[in-house]
PDB file of N, CA and C in Angstrom:
ATOM      1  N   MET A   1      -7.844  75.172 -30.526  1.00  0.00           N
ATOM      2  CA  MET A   1      -9.643  74.113 -31.004  1.00  0.00           C
ATOM      3  C   MET A   1     -10.539  75.178 -31.688  1.00  0.00           C
ATOM      4  N   VAL A   2     -10.031  76.422 -31.651  1.00  0.00           N
ATOM      5  CA  VAL A   2     -11.386  77.461 -32.465  1.00  0.00           C
ATOM      6  C   VAL A   2     -11.482  77.410 -33.698  1.00  0.00           C
ATOM      7  N   ARG A   3     -10.153  76.544 -34.358  1.00  0.00           N
ATOM      8  CA  ARG A   3     -10.824  76.551 -35.703  1.00  0.00           C
ATOM      9  C   ARG A   3     -11.460  75.507 -36.360  1.00  0.00           C
ATOM     10  N   PRO A   4     -11.253  74.074 -35.727  1.00  0.00           N
ATOM     11  CA  PRO A   4     -12.125  73.429 -35.858  1.00  0.00           C
ATOM     12  C   PRO A   4     -13.589  72.932 -35.740  1.00  0.00           C
ATOM     13  N   TYR A   5     -13.789  74.144 -34.717  1.00  0.00           N
ATOM     14  CA  TYR A   5     -15.315  74.677 -34.148  1.00  0.00           C
ATOM     15  C   TYR A   5     -15.631  75.402 -35.643  1.00  0.00           C
ATOM     16  N   THR A   6     -15.043  76.318 -35.783  1.00  0.00           N
ATOM     17  CA  THR A   6     -14.873  77.163 -36.758  1.00  0.00           C
ATOM     18  C   THR A   6     -15.762  76.727 -38.180  1.00  0.00           C
ATOM     19  N   ILE A   7     -15.253  75.993 -38.767  1.00  0.00           N
ATOM     20  CA  ILE A   7     -14.760  74.918 -39.915  1.00  0.00           C
ATOM     21  C   ILE A   7     -16.247  74.279 -40.059  1.00  0.00           C
ATOM     22  N   THR A   8     -16.625  73.761 -38.957  1.00  0.00           N
ATOM     23  CA  THR A   8     -17.713  73.048 -38.333  1.00  0.00           C
ATOM     24  C   THR A   8     -19.002  73.444 -38.669  1.00  0.00           C
ATOM     25  N   ALA A   9     -18.972  74.680 -38.639  1.00  0.00           N
ATOM     26  CA  ALA A   9     -20.110  75.951 -37.958  1.00  0.00           C
ATOM     27  C   ALA A   9     -20.596  75.092 -36.777  1.00  0.00           C
ATOM     28  N   GLY A  10     -19.905  75.171 -35.664  1.00  0.00           N
ATOM     29  CA  GLY A  10     -20.270  74.870 -34.276  1.00  0.00           C
ATOM     30  C   GLY A  10     -20.548  73.346 -34.066  1.00  0.00           C
ATOM     31  N   ARG A  11     -20.921  72.261 -35.591  1.00  0.00           N
ATOM     32  CA  ARG A  11     -21.018  70.645 -35.248  1.00  0.00           C
ATOM     33  C   ARG A  11     -20.340  70.077 -34.669  1.00  0.00           C
ATOM     34  N   THR A  12     -20.569  69.579 -34.019  1.00  0.00           N
ATOM     35  CA  THR A  12     -19.892  68.416 -33.187  1.00  0.00           C
ATOM     36  C   THR A  12     -19.405  66.934 -33.503  1.00  0.00           C
ATOM     37  N   ALA A  13     -20.880  66.838 -34.458  1.00  0.00           N
ATOM     38  CA  ALA A  13     -20.717  64.972 -34.920  1.00  0.00           C
ATOM     39  C   ALA A  13     -21.416  65.149 -36.356  1.00  0.00           C
ATOM     40  N   PRO A  14     -21.123  64.301 -37.123  1.00  0.00           N
ATOM     41  CA  PRO A  14     -21.679  64.025 -37.908  1.00  0.00           C
ATOM     42  C   PRO A  14     -22.889  63.787 -38.672  1.00  0.00           C
ATOM     43  N   GLU A  15     -23.472  64.239 -39.491  1.00  0.00           N
ATOM     44  CA  GLU A  15     -24.909  63.676 -40.135  1.00  0.00           C
ATOM     45  C   GLU A  15     -25.039  62.592 -40.761  1.00  0.00           C
ATOM     46  N   ARG A  16     -23.677  61.861 -41.164  1.00  0.00           N
ATOM     47  CA  ARG A  16     -23.597  60.632 -41.810  1.00  0.00           C
ATOM     48  C   ARG A  16     -23.090  59.757 -40.498  1.00  0.00           C
ATOM     49  N   ASP A  17     -23.684  58.961 -40.150  1.00  0.00           N
ATOM     50  CA  ASP A  17     -22.761  57.703 -39.790  1.00  0.00           C
ATOM     51  C   ASP A  17     -22.255  56.475 -40.600  1.00  0.00           C
ATOM     52  N   ASP A  18     -22.345  56.732 -41.941  1.00  0.00           N
ATOM     53  CA  ASP A  18     -22.063  55.562 -42.557  1.00  0.00           C
ATOM     54  C   ASP A  18     -20.342  55.943 -43.590  1.00  0.00           C
ATOM     55  N   LEU A  19     -19.847  56.854 -42.962  1.00  0.00           N
ATOM     56  CA  LEU A  19     -18.562  57.325 -42.738  1.00  0.00           C
ATOM     57  C   LEU A  19     -17.927  57.044 -41.933  1.00  0.00           C
ATOM     58  N   THR A  20     -16.857  55.635 -42.301  1.00  0.00           N
ATOM     59  CA  THR A  20     -16.062  54.322 -41.704  1.00  0.00           C
ATOM     60  C   THR A  20     -14.313  55.436 -41.937  1.00  0.00           C
ATOM     61  N   LEU A  21     -13.288  54.560 -41.529  1.00  0.00           N
ATOM     62  CA  LEU A  21     -11.962  55.098 -41.319  1.00  0.00           C
ATOM     63  C   LEU A  21     -11.447  54.798 -42.783  1.00  0.00           C
ATOM     64  N   ILE A  22     -11.894  54.039 -43.320  1.00  0.00           N
ATOM     65  CA  ILE A  22     -11.529  53.094 -44.770  1.00  0.00           C
ATOM     66  C   ILE A  22     -12.722  53.494 -45.773  1.00  0.00           C
ATOM     67  N   THR A  23     -13.601  54.425 -45.665  1.00  0.00           N
ATOM     68  CA  THR A  23     -14.452  54.969 -46.443  1.00  0.00           C
ATOM     69  C   THR A  23     -14.027  55.341 -47.880  1.00  0.00           C
ATOM     70  N   LEU A  24     -13.859  55.046 -49.076  1.00  0.00           N
ATOM     71  CA  LEU A  24     -12.682  55.480 -49.380  1.00  0.00           C
ATOM     72  C   LEU A  24     -13.974  57.075 -50.449  1.00  0.00           C
ATOM     73  N   LEU A  25     -13.701  58.041 -50.613  1.00  0.00           N
ATOM     74  CA  LEU A  25     -13.986  59.078 -50.985  1.00  0.00           C
ATOM     75  C   LEU A  25     -12.978  59.607 -52.481  1.00  0.00           C
ATOM     76  N   THR A  26     -13.944  60.018 -53.380  1.00  0.00           N
ATOM     77  CA  THR A  26     -13.820  60.278 -54.580  1.00  0.00           C
ATOM     78  C   THR A  26     -14.708  61.983 -55.019  1.00  0.00           C
ATOM     79  N   SER A  27     -13.338  62.390 -55.713  1.00  0.00           N
ATOM     80  CA  SER A  27     -14.336  64.326 -56.316  1.00  0.00           C
ATOM     81  C   SER A  27     -14.805  64.081 -57.431  1.00  0.00           C
ATOM     82  N   VAL A  28     -16.316  64.525 -57.560  1.00  0.00           N
ATOM     83  CA  VAL A  28     -17.257  64.338 -58.853  1.00  0.00           C
ATOM     84  C   VAL A  28     -16.169  65.313 -60.026  1.00  0.00           C
ATOM     85  N   PRO A  29     -16.037  64.254 -61.242  1.00  0.00           N
ATOM     86  CA  PRO A  29     -15.258  65.124 -61.820  1.00  0.00           C
ATOM     87  C   PRO A  29     -15.462  66.588 -62.368  1.00  0.00           C
ATOM     88  N   GLU A  30     -16.818  66.892 -62.508  1.00  0.00           N
ATOM     89  CA  GLU A  30     -17.348  68.471 -62.621  1.00  0.00           C
ATOM     90  C   GLU A  30     -17.905  69.065 -61.833  1.00  0.00           C
ATOM     91  N   SER A  31     -16.815  68.798 -60.543  1.00  0.00           N
ATOM     92  CA  SER A  31     -17.879  69.739 -59.210  1.00  0.00           C
ATOM     93  C   SER A  31     -18.003  71.014 -59.064  1.00  0.00           C
ATOM     94  N   ALA A  32     -16.847  72.002 -59.753  1.00  0.00           N
ATOM     95  CA  ALA A  32     -17.549  73.412 -59.579  1.00  0.00           C
ATOM     96  C   ALA A  32     -17.243  73.719 -60.832  1.00  0.00           C
ATOM     97  N   GLU A  33     -16.588  73.256 -61.818  1.00  0.00           N
ATOM     98  CA  GLU A  33     -16.032  73.863 -62.963  1.00  0.00           C
ATOM     99  C   GLU A  33     -17.691  73.441 -63.802  1.00  0.00           C
ATOM    100  N   ALA A  34     -18.408  72.508 -63.567  1.00  0.00           N
ATOM    101  CA  ALA A  34     -19.085  72.352 -64.621  1.00  0.00           C
ATOM    102  C   ALA A  34     -20.708  72.707 -64.044  1.00  0.00           C
ATOM    103  N   ARG A  35     -20.556  73.234 -62.840  1.00  0.00           N
ATOM    104  CA  ARG A  35     -21.747  73.636 -62.340  1.00  0.00           C
ATOM    105  C   ARG A  35     -21.750  75.510 -62.420  1.00  0.00           C
ATOM    106  N   GLY A  36     -20.993  76.010 -63.011  1.00  0.00           N
ATOM    107  CA  GLY A  36     -21.120  76.955 -63.868  1.00  0.00           C
ATOM    108  C   GLY A  36     -21.331  78.289 -62.419  1.00  0.00           C
ATOM    109  N   GLY A  37     -20.590  78.118 -61.452  1.00  0.00           N
ATOM    110  CA  GLY A  37     -20.437  78.852 -60.275  1.00  0.00           C
ATOM    111  C   GLY A  37     -21.818  79.286 -59.076  1.00  0.00           C
ATOM    112  N   SER A  38     -22.398  78.062 -59.305  1.00  0.00           N
ATOM    113  CA  SER A  38     -23.604  78.080 -58.339  1.00  0.00           C
ATOM    114  C   SER A  38     -23.849  78.537 -57.301  1.00  0.00           C
ATOM    115  N   GLY A  39     -22.549  79.334 -56.810  1.00  0.00           N
ATOM    116  CA  GLY A  39     -22.255  80.014 -55.510  1.00  0.00           C
ATOM    117  C   GLY A  39     -21.700  78.910 -54.271  1.00  0.00           C
ATOM    118  N   ARG A  40     -21.969  77.878 -54.710  1.00  0.00           N
ATOM    119  CA  ARG A  40     -21.631  76.625 -53.852  1.00  0.00           C
ATOM    120  C   ARG A  40     -19.785  76.873 -53.780  1.00  0.00           C
ATOM    121  N   PRO A  41     -18.819  77.143 -54.599  1.00  0.00           N
ATOM    122  CA  PRO A  41     -17.481  76.805 -54.562  1.00  0.00           C
ATOM    123  C   PRO A  41     -17.017  78.083 -53.449  1.00  0.00           C
ATOM    124  N   GLY A  42     -17.764  79.260 -53.293  1.00  0.00           N
ATOM    125  CA  GLY A  42     -17.564  80.346 -52.599  1.00  0.00           C
ATOM    126  C   GLY A  42     -17.792  80.232 -51.330  1.00  0.00           C
ATOM    127  N   ARG A  43     -18.768  79.104 -50.933  1.00  0.00           N
ATOM    128  CA  ARG A  43     -19.171  78.889 -49.368  1.00  0.00           C
ATOM    129  C   ARG A  43     -18.557  77.486 -49.083  1.00  0.00           C
ATOM    130  N   LEU A  44     -17.352  77.421 -49.997  1.00  0.00           N
ATOM    131  CA  LEU A  44     -16.801  75.905 -49.071  1.00  0.00           C
ATOM    132  C   LEU A  44     -15.197  77.024 -48.290  1.00  0.00           C
ATOM    133  N   GLN A  45     -15.073  75.939 -47.377  1.00  0.00           N
ATOM    134  CA  GLN A  45     -14.088  76.322 -46.712  1.00  0.00           C
ATOM    135  C   GLN A  45     -12.338  75.769 -46.588  1.00  0.00           C
ATOM    136  N   PRO A  46     -11.696  76.392 -46.654  1.00  0.00           N
ATOM    137  CA  PRO A  46     -10.299  75.940 -47.529  1.00  0.00           C
ATOM    138  C   PRO A  46      -9.910  74.966 -47.318  1.00  0.00           C
ATOM    139  N   GLU A  47     -10.561  73.910 -46.358  1.00  0.00           N
ATOM    140  CA  GLU A  47     -10.558  72.546 -45.582  1.00  0.00           C
ATOM    141  C   GLU A  47     -10.937  71.727 -46.923  1.00  0.00           C
ATOM    142  N   HIS A  48     -12.651  72.424 -47.098  1.00  0.00           N
ATOM    143  CA  HIS A  48     -13.818  71.792 -47.933  1.00  0.00           C
ATOM    144  C   HIS A  48     -12.738  71.726 -49.427  1.00  0.00           C
ATOM    145  N   ARG A  49     -12.020  72.701 -49.925  1.00  0.00           N
ATOM    146  CA  ARG A  49     -11.223  72.654 -51.271  1.00  0.00           C
ATOM    147  C   ARG A  49      -9.834  71.753 -51.087  1.00  0.00           C
ATOM    148  N   LEU A  50      -9.191  71.479 -50.489  1.00  0.00           N
ATOM    149  CA  LEU A  50      -8.066  70.379 -49.675  1.00  0.00           C
ATOM    150  C   LEU A  50      -8.547  69.446 -50.022  1.00  0.00           C
ATOM    151  N   ILE A  51      -9.696  69.037 -49.213  1.00  0.00           N
ATOM    152  CA  ILE A  51     -10.516  67.640 -49.815  1.00  0.00           C
ATOM    153  C   ILE A  51     -10.536  67.438 -50.965  1.00  0.00           C
ATOM    154  N   LEU A  52     -11.125  68.330 -51.709  1.00  0.00           N
ATOM    155  CA  LEU A  52     -11.641  68.246 -53.186  1.00  0.00           C
ATOM    156  C   LEU A  52     -10.587  67.697 -54.440  1.00  0.00           C
ATOM    157  N   ALA A  53      -9.550  68.468 -53.512  1.00  0.00           N
ATOM    158  CA  ALA A  53      -8.106  68.409 -54.457  1.00  0.00           C
ATOM    159  C   ALA A  53      -7.713  66.915 -53.960  1.00  0.00           C
ATOM    160  N   ARG A  54      -7.391  66.363 -53.041  1.00  0.00           N
ATOM    161  CA  ARG A  54      -7.080  65.255 -52.182  1.00  0.00           C
ATOM    162  C   ARG A  54      -8.059  64.386 -53.077  1.00  0.00           C
ATOM    163  N   CYS A  55      -9.478  64.529 -53.278  1.00  0.00           N
ATOM    164  CA  CYS A  55      -9.824  63.322 -53.273  1.00  0.00           C
ATOM    165  C   CYS A  55     -10.312  62.936 -54.931  1.00  0.00           C
ATOM    166  N   ARG A  56      -8.897  63.856 -55.890  1.00  0.00           N
ATOM    167  CA  ARG A  56      -9.013  63.249 -57.177  1.00  0.00           C
ATOM    168  C   ARG A  56      -8.814  62.457 -58.023  1.00  0.00           C
ATOM    169  N   ARG A  57      -7.957  61.573 -56.364  1.00  0.00           N
ATOM    170  CA  ARG A  57      -7.921  59.902 -56.300  1.00  0.00           C
ATOM    171  C   ARG A  57      -8.394  58.999 -55.296  1.00  0.00           C
ATOM    172  N   PRO A  58      -9.064  58.324 -55.489  1.00  0.00           N
ATOM    173  CA  PRO A  58      -9.796  57.640 -54.510  1.00  0.00           C
ATOM    174  C   PRO A  58      -8.857  57.962 -53.466  1.00  0.00           C
ATOM    175  N   ALA A  59      -9.565  58.137 -52.033  1.00  0.00           N
ATOM    176  CA  ALA A  59      -8.596  58.472 -50.576  1.00  0.00           C
ATOM    177  C   ALA A  59      -9.479  57.764 -49.602  1.00  0.00           C
ATOM    178  N   ALA A  60      -9.143  57.151 -48.664  1.00  0.00           N
ATOM    179  CA  ALA A  60      -9.739  56.778 -47.279  1.00  0.00           C
ATOM    180  C   ALA A  60      -9.538  57.932 -46.015  1.00  0.00           C
ATOM    181  N   VAL A  61     -11.123  57.797 -46.082  1.00  0.00           N
ATOM    182  CA  VAL A  61     -11.718  58.883 -44.964  1.00  0.00           C
ATOM    183  C   VAL A  61     -10.257  59.216 -43.629  1.00  0.00           C
ATOM    184  N   ALA A  62      -9.010  58.160 -42.868  1.00  0.00           N
ATOM    185  CA  ALA A  62      -8.415  58.157 -42.302  1.00  0.00           C
ATOM    186  C   ALA A  62      -7.163  59.173 -43.050  1.00  0.00           C
ATOM    187  N   GLU A  63      -6.547  58.952 -44.162  1.00  0.00           N
ATOM    188  CA  GLU A  63      -5.801  59.648 -45.369  1.00  0.00           C
ATOM    189  C   GLU A  63      -6.353  60.982 -45.191  1.00  0.00           C
ATOM    190  N   VAL A  64      -7.578  61.034 -45.440  1.00  0.00           N
ATOM    191  CA  VAL A  64      -7.598  62.704 -45.822  1.00  0.00           C
ATOM    192  C   VAL A  64      -7.644  63.327 -44.530  1.00  0.00           C
ATOM    193  N   ALA A  65      -7.957  63.044 -43.240  1.00  0.00           N
ATOM    194  CA  ALA A  65      -7.530  63.240 -42.038  1.00  0.00           C
ATOM    195  C   ALA A  65      -6.751  63.112 -41.753  1.00  0.00           C
ATOM    196  N   ALA A  66      -5.747  62.341 -42.072  1.00  0.00           N
ATOM    197  CA  ALA A  66      -4.255  62.858 -41.939  1.00  0.00           C
ATOM    198  C   ALA A  66      -3.462  64.355 -42.588  1.00  0.00           C
ATOM    199  N   ASP A  67      -3.928  64.462 -43.821  1.00  0.00           N
ATOM    200  CA  ASP A  67      -3.673  65.297 -44.763  1.00  0.00           C
ATOM    201  C   ASP A  67      -3.541  66.215 -44.208  1.00  0.00           C
ATOM    202  N   LEU A  68      -5.289  66.467 -43.451  1.00  0.00           N
ATOM    203  CA  LEU A  68      -5.423  67.532 -43.124  1.00  0.00           C
ATOM    204  C   LEU A  68      -5.024  67.891 -42.486  1.00  0.00           C
ATOM    205  N   ASN A  69      -4.697  67.288 -41.279  1.00  0.00           N
ATOM    206  CA  ASN A  69      -4.214  67.541 -39.493  1.00  0.00           C
ATOM    207  C   ASN A  69      -5.083  67.693 -38.611  1.00  0.00           C
ATOM    208  N   LEU A  70      -6.340  67.195 -38.602  1.00  0.00           N
ATOM    209  CA  LEU A  70      -7.533  67.453 -38.446  1.00  0.00           C
ATOM    210  C   LEU A  70      -7.930  65.952 -37.247  1.00  0.00           C
ATOM    211  N   PRO A  71      -9.008  66.107 -36.236  1.00  0.00           N
ATOM    212  CA  PRO A  71      -9.341  65.055 -36.306  1.00  0.00           C
ATOM    213  C   PRO A  71     -10.546  64.493 -37.055  1.00  0.00           C
ATOM    214  N   VAL A  72     -10.260  62.976 -37.100  1.00  0.00           N
ATOM    215  CA  VAL A  72     -10.923  62.508 -37.392  1.00  0.00           C
ATOM    216  C   VAL A  72     -13.026  62.997 -37.951  1.00  0.00           C
ATOM    217  N   SER A  73     -13.070  62.877 -36.374  1.00  0.00           N
ATOM    218  CA  SER A  73     -14.443  63.572 -36.748  1.00  0.00           C
ATOM    219  C   SER A  73     -15.092  64.510 -37.309  1.00  0.00           C
ATOM    220  N   VAL A  74     -13.669  65.888 -37.170  1.00  0.00           N
ATOM    221  CA  VAL A  74     -14.042  67.538 -37.830  1.00  0.00           C
ATOM    222  C   VAL A  74     -13.718  67.028 -39.043  1.00  0.00           C
ATOM    223  N   THR A  75     -13.354  66.129 -39.489  1.00  0.00           N
ATOM    224  CA  THR A  75     -12.826  65.353 -41.123  1.00  0.00           C
ATOM    225  C   THR A  75     -14.285  64.816 -41.954  1.00  0.00           C
ATOM    226  N   LYS A  76     -14.314  64.367 -40.621  1.00  0.00           N
ATOM    227  CA  LYS A  76     -16.359  63.598 -41.412  1.00  0.00           C
ATOM    228  C   LYS A  76     -17.245  64.544 -41.202  1.00  0.00           C
ATOM    229  N   ILE A  77     -17.169  65.256 -40.612  1.00  0.00           N
ATOM    230  CA  ILE A  77     -18.172  66.742 -40.819  1.00  0.00           C
ATOM    231  C   ILE A  77     -17.773  67.239 -42.218  1.00  0.00           C
ATOM    232  N   LEU A  78     -17.162  67.691 -42.632  1.00  0.00           N
ATOM    233  CA  LEU A  78     -16.511  68.180 -43.642  1.00  0.00           C
ATOM    234  C   LEU A  78     -16.865  67.379 -44.628  1.00  0.00           C
ATOM    235  N   LEU A  79     -16.401  66.135 -44.683  1.00  0.00           N
ATOM    236  CA  LEU A  79     -16.753  64.974 -45.726  1.00  0.00           C
ATOM    237  C   LEU A  79     -18.243  64.919 -46.245  1.00  0.00           C
ATOM    238  N   GLY A  80     -19.149  64.734 -44.545  1.00  0.00           N
ATOM    239  CA  GLY A  80     -20.035  64.795 -45.024  1.00  0.00           C
ATOM    240  C   GLY A  80     -20.856  66.100 -45.440  1.00  0.00           C
ATOM    241  N   ASP A  81     -20.469  67.189 -45.767  1.00  0.00           N
ATOM    242  CA  ASP A  81     -20.786  68.309 -46.165  1.00  0.00           C
ATOM    243  C   ASP A  81     -20.755  68.405 -47.650  1.00  0.00           C
ATOM    244  N   LEU A  82     -19.359  67.832 -48.096  1.00  0.00           N
ATOM    245  CA  LEU A  82     -19.305  67.823 -49.368  1.00  0.00           C
ATOM    246  C   LEU A  82     -20.232  66.660 -50.366  1.00  0.00           C
ATOM    247  N   VAL A  83     -20.334  65.490 -49.583  1.00  0.00           N
ATOM    248  CA  VAL A  83     -21.440  64.318 -50.254  1.00  0.00           C
ATOM    249  C   VAL A  83     -22.724  65.381 -50.483  1.00  0.00           C
ATOM    250  N   GLU A  84     -22.845  65.727 -49.448  1.00  0.00           N
ATOM    251  CA  GLU A  84     -25.137  66.200 -49.206  1.00  0.00           C
ATOM    252  C   GLU A  84     -24.661  66.502 -50.722  1.00  0.00           C
ATOM    253  N   GLN A  85     -23.834  67.583 -50.923  1.00  0.00           N
ATOM    254  CA  GLN A  85     -23.656  68.823 -52.356  1.00  0.00           C
ATOM    255  C   GLN A  85     -23.517  67.786 -53.166  1.00  0.00           C
ATOM    256  N   GLY A  86     -23.164  66.980 -53.246  1.00  0.00           N
ATOM    257  CA  GLY A  86     -23.013  66.105 -54.516  1.00  0.00           C
ATOM    258  C   GLY A  86     -21.221  66.498 -55.428  1.00  0.00           C
ATOM    259  N   LEU A  87     -20.819  66.956 -54.566  1.00  0.00           N
ATOM    260  CA  LEU A  87     -18.976  67.141 -54.526  1.00  0.00           C
ATOM    261  C   LEU A  87     -18.188  66.012 -55.046  1.00  0.00           C
ATOM    262  N   LEU A  88     -18.802  65.561 -53.513  1.00  0.00           N
ATOM    263  CA  LEU A  88     -18.106  64.216 -53.566  1.00  0.00           C
ATOM    264  C   LEU A  88     -18.510  62.429 -53.316  1.00  0.00           C
ATOM    265  N   THR A  89     -17.929  61.993 -53.651  1.00  0.00           N
ATOM    266  CA  THR A  89     -18.888  60.866 -53.470  1.00  0.00           C
ATOM    267  C   THR A  89     -17.791  59.803 -52.488  1.00  0.00           C
ATOM    268  N   ALA A  90     -18.829  59.339 -51.581  1.00  0.00           N
ATOM    269  CA  ALA A  90     -18.023  58.103 -50.799  1.00  0.00           C
ATOM    270  C   ALA A  90     -18.779  56.482 -51.019  1.00  0.00           C
ATOM    271  N   ARG A  91     -17.566  55.396 -51.152  1.00  0.00           N
ATOM    272  CA  ARG A  91     -18.216  54.375 -50.819  1.00  0.00           C
ATOM    273  C   ARG A  91     -17.437  53.297 -50.042  1.00  0.00           C
ATOM    274  N   ALA A  92     -18.215  52.225 -49.891  1.00  0.00           N
ATOM    275  CA  ALA A  92     -17.404  51.464 -49.361  1.00  0.00           C
ATOM    276  C   ALA A  92     -16.489  50.207 -49.981  1.00  0.00           C
ATOM    277  N   PRO A  93     -15.167  50.113 -49.251  1.00  0.00           N
ATOM    278  CA  PRO A  93     -14.113  49.802 -49.804  1.00  0.00           C
ATOM    279  C   PRO A  93     -14.591  48.321 -50.732  1.00  0.00           C
ATOM    280  N   ILE A  94     -15.604  47.318 -50.132  1.00  0.00           N
ATOM    281  CA  ILE A  94     -15.535  45.836 -50.687  1.00  0.00           C
ATOM    282  C   ILE A  94     -16.419  46.586 -52.256  1.00  0.00           C
ATOM    283  N   SER A  95     -16.790  47.826 -52.595  1.00  0.00           N
ATOM    284  CA  SER A  95     -17.641  48.097 -54.062  1.00  0.00           C
ATOM    285  C   SER A  95     -16.568  48.253 -54.627  1.00  0.00           C
ATOM    286  N   VAL A  96     -15.360  48.536 -54.230  1.00  0.00           N
ATOM    287  CA  VAL A  96     -14.109  48.838 -55.251  1.00  0.00           C
ATOM    288  C   VAL A  96     -13.642  48.192 -55.420  1.00  0.00           C
ATOM    289  N   ALA A  97     -13.782  46.638 -55.046  1.00  0.00           N
ATOM    290  CA  ALA A  97     -13.186  45.693 -55.361  1.00  0.00           C
ATOM    291  C   ALA A  97     -13.864  44.572 -56.111  1.00  0.00           C
ATOM    292  N   ARG A  98     -15.071  44.955 -56.050  1.00  0.00           N
ATOM    293  CA  ARG A  98     -16.012  44.345 -56.469  1.00  0.00           C
ATOM    294  C   ARG A  98     -16.246  45.087 -58.120  1.00  0.00           C
ATOM    295  N   ALA A  99     -15.831  45.929 -58.170  1.00  0.00           N
ATOM    296  CA  ALA A  99     -15.516  46.790 -59.767  1.00  0.00           C
ATOM    297  C   ALA A  99     -14.645  46.531 -59.924  1.00  0.00           C
ATOM    298  N   ALA A 100     -13.509  45.668 -59.233  1.00  0.00           N
ATOM    299  CA  ALA A 100     -12.156  45.742 -60.207  1.00  0.00           C
ATOM    300  C   ALA A 100     -12.319  44.110 -60.545  1.00  0.00           C
ATOM    301  N   GLY A 101     -13.599  43.503 -60.370  1.00  0.00           N
ATOM    302  CA  GLY A 101     -13.508  42.214 -60.970  1.00  0.00           C
ATOM    303  C   GLY A 101     -13.235  40.874 -59.482  1.00  0.00           C
ATOM    304  N   GLY A 102     -13.722  41.312 -58.592  1.00  0.00           N
ATOM    305  CA  GLY A 102     -13.586  41.194 -57.293  1.00  0.00           C
ATOM    306  C   GLY A 102     -12.214  40.754 -56.694  1.00  0.00           C
ATOM    307  N   ALA A 103     -11.511  40.124 -55.509  1.00  0.00           N
ATOM    308  CA  ALA A 103     -10.566  39.669 -54.857  1.00  0.00           C
ATOM    309  C   ALA A 103     -10.192  38.248 -55.849  1.00  0.00           C
ATOM    310  N   ASP A 104      -8.786  38.302 -56.066  1.00  0.00           N
ATOM    311  CA  ASP A 104      -8.484  37.104 -56.615  1.00  0.00           C
ATOM    312  C   ASP A 104      -8.206  35.962 -55.413  1.00  0.00           C
ATOM    313  N   ARG A 105      -8.791  34.864 -55.340  1.00  0.00           N
ATOM    314  CA  ARG A 105      -9.358  33.770 -54.397  1.00  0.00           C
ATOM    315  C   ARG A 105      -7.437  32.881 -54.588  1.00  0.00           C
ATOM    316  N   GLY A 106      -6.897  32.770 -55.139  1.00  0.00           N
ATOM    317  CA  GLY A 106      -5.830  32.242 -55.538  1.00  0.00           C
ATOM    318  C   GLY A 106      -4.531  32.803 -54.690  1.00  0.00           C
ATOM    319  N   LEU A 107      -4.769  34.272 -54.631  1.00  0.00           N
ATOM    320  CA  LEU A 107      -3.921  35.197 -53.812  1.00  0.00           C
ATOM    321  C   LEU A 107      -4.180  35.003 -52.516  1.00  0.00           C
ATOM    322  N   LEU A 108      -5.544  35.327 -52.455  1.00  0.00           N
ATOM    323  CA  LEU A 108      -5.809  34.994 -50.957  1.00  0.00           C
ATOM    324  C   LEU A 108      -5.526  33.802 -50.096  1.00  0.00           C
ATOM    325  N   ALA A 109      -5.523  32.861 -51.004  1.00  0.00           N
ATOM    326  CA  ALA A 109      -5.498  31.713 -50.195  1.00  0.00           C
ATOM    327  C   ALA A 109      -3.750  31.624 -50.192  1.00  0.00           C
ATOM    328  N   ALA A 110      -2.813  32.255 -50.871  1.00  0.00           N
ATOM    329  CA  ALA A 110      -1.659  31.772 -51.108  1.00  0.00           C
ATOM    330  C   ALA A 110      -1.428  32.943 -49.629  1.00  0.00           C
ATOM    331  N   VAL A 111      -1.920  34.360 -49.804  1.00  0.00           N
ATOM    332  CA  VAL A 111      -1.778  34.810 -48.147  1.00  0.00           C
ATOM    333  C   VAL A 111      -1.860  34.047 -46.959  1.00  0.00           C
ATOM    334  N   ARG A 112      -3.313  33.599 -46.684  1.00  0.00           N
ATOM    335  CA  ARG A 112      -3.903  32.940 -45.855  1.00  0.00           C
ATOM    336  C   ARG A 112      -2.887  31.835 -45.329  1.00  0.00           C
ATOM    337  N   GLU A 113      -2.072  30.874 -46.667  1.00  0.00           N
ATOM    338  CA  GLU A 113      -1.229  29.916 -45.941  1.00  0.00           C
ATOM    339  C   GLU A 113       0.176  30.084 -45.254  1.00  0.00           C
ATOM    340  N   GLY A 114       0.543  31.570 -46.048  1.00  0.00           N
ATOM    341  CA  GLY A 114       1.672  32.520 -45.781  1.00  0.00           C
ATOM    342  C   GLY A 114       1.446  32.571 -44.366  1.00  0.00           C
ATOM    343  N   LEU A 115       0.472  33.222 -43.948  1.00  0.00           N
ATOM    344  CA  LEU A 115       0.365  33.558 -42.868  1.00  0.00           C
ATOM    345  C   LEU A 115       0.392  32.297 -41.239  1.00  0.00           C
ATOM    346  N   ARG A 116      -0.420  31.526 -41.945  1.00  0.00           N
ATOM    347  CA  ARG A 116      -0.046  30.056 -40.946  1.00  0.00           C
ATOM    348  C   ARG A 116       1.023  29.512 -40.851  1.00  0.00           C
ATOM    349  N   ARG A 117       2.012  29.557 -41.873  1.00  0.00           N
ATOM    350  CA  ARG A 117       3.209  29.111 -41.638  1.00  0.00           C
ATOM    351  C   ARG A 117       4.261  29.997 -40.214  1.00  0.00           C
ATOM    352  N   LEU A 118       3.800  31.032 -40.135  1.00  0.00           N
ATOM    353  CA  LEU A 118       4.453  31.955 -39.572  1.00  0.00           C
ATOM    354  C   LEU A 118       3.918  31.340 -38.304  1.00  0.00           C
TER     355      LEU A 118
END
């Protein structure tokens, strides 16, 4: 129990309340290198670095917590730190679907009909 307390600097709840289990996270491409060693990378915990590496491809909050083997509440605190520093972006899953052109209504109808037949 000491390590989660240490990596969150004693915080027990995330400052952001918009991070849900299915919120998608992506590392900002120019995060550490483009900032020219502004001091931020040195202040990051190893878990912060693992999150940035994991989120090079979009990942949900639940996936990141599972990969880190940490409670979701602790993970959300760490994610909030990275979002606040501009090293990580957080998006609701629906915005990703819209950016990809939206859901295929025909496919959704076929899935619905298949479920009804069960």
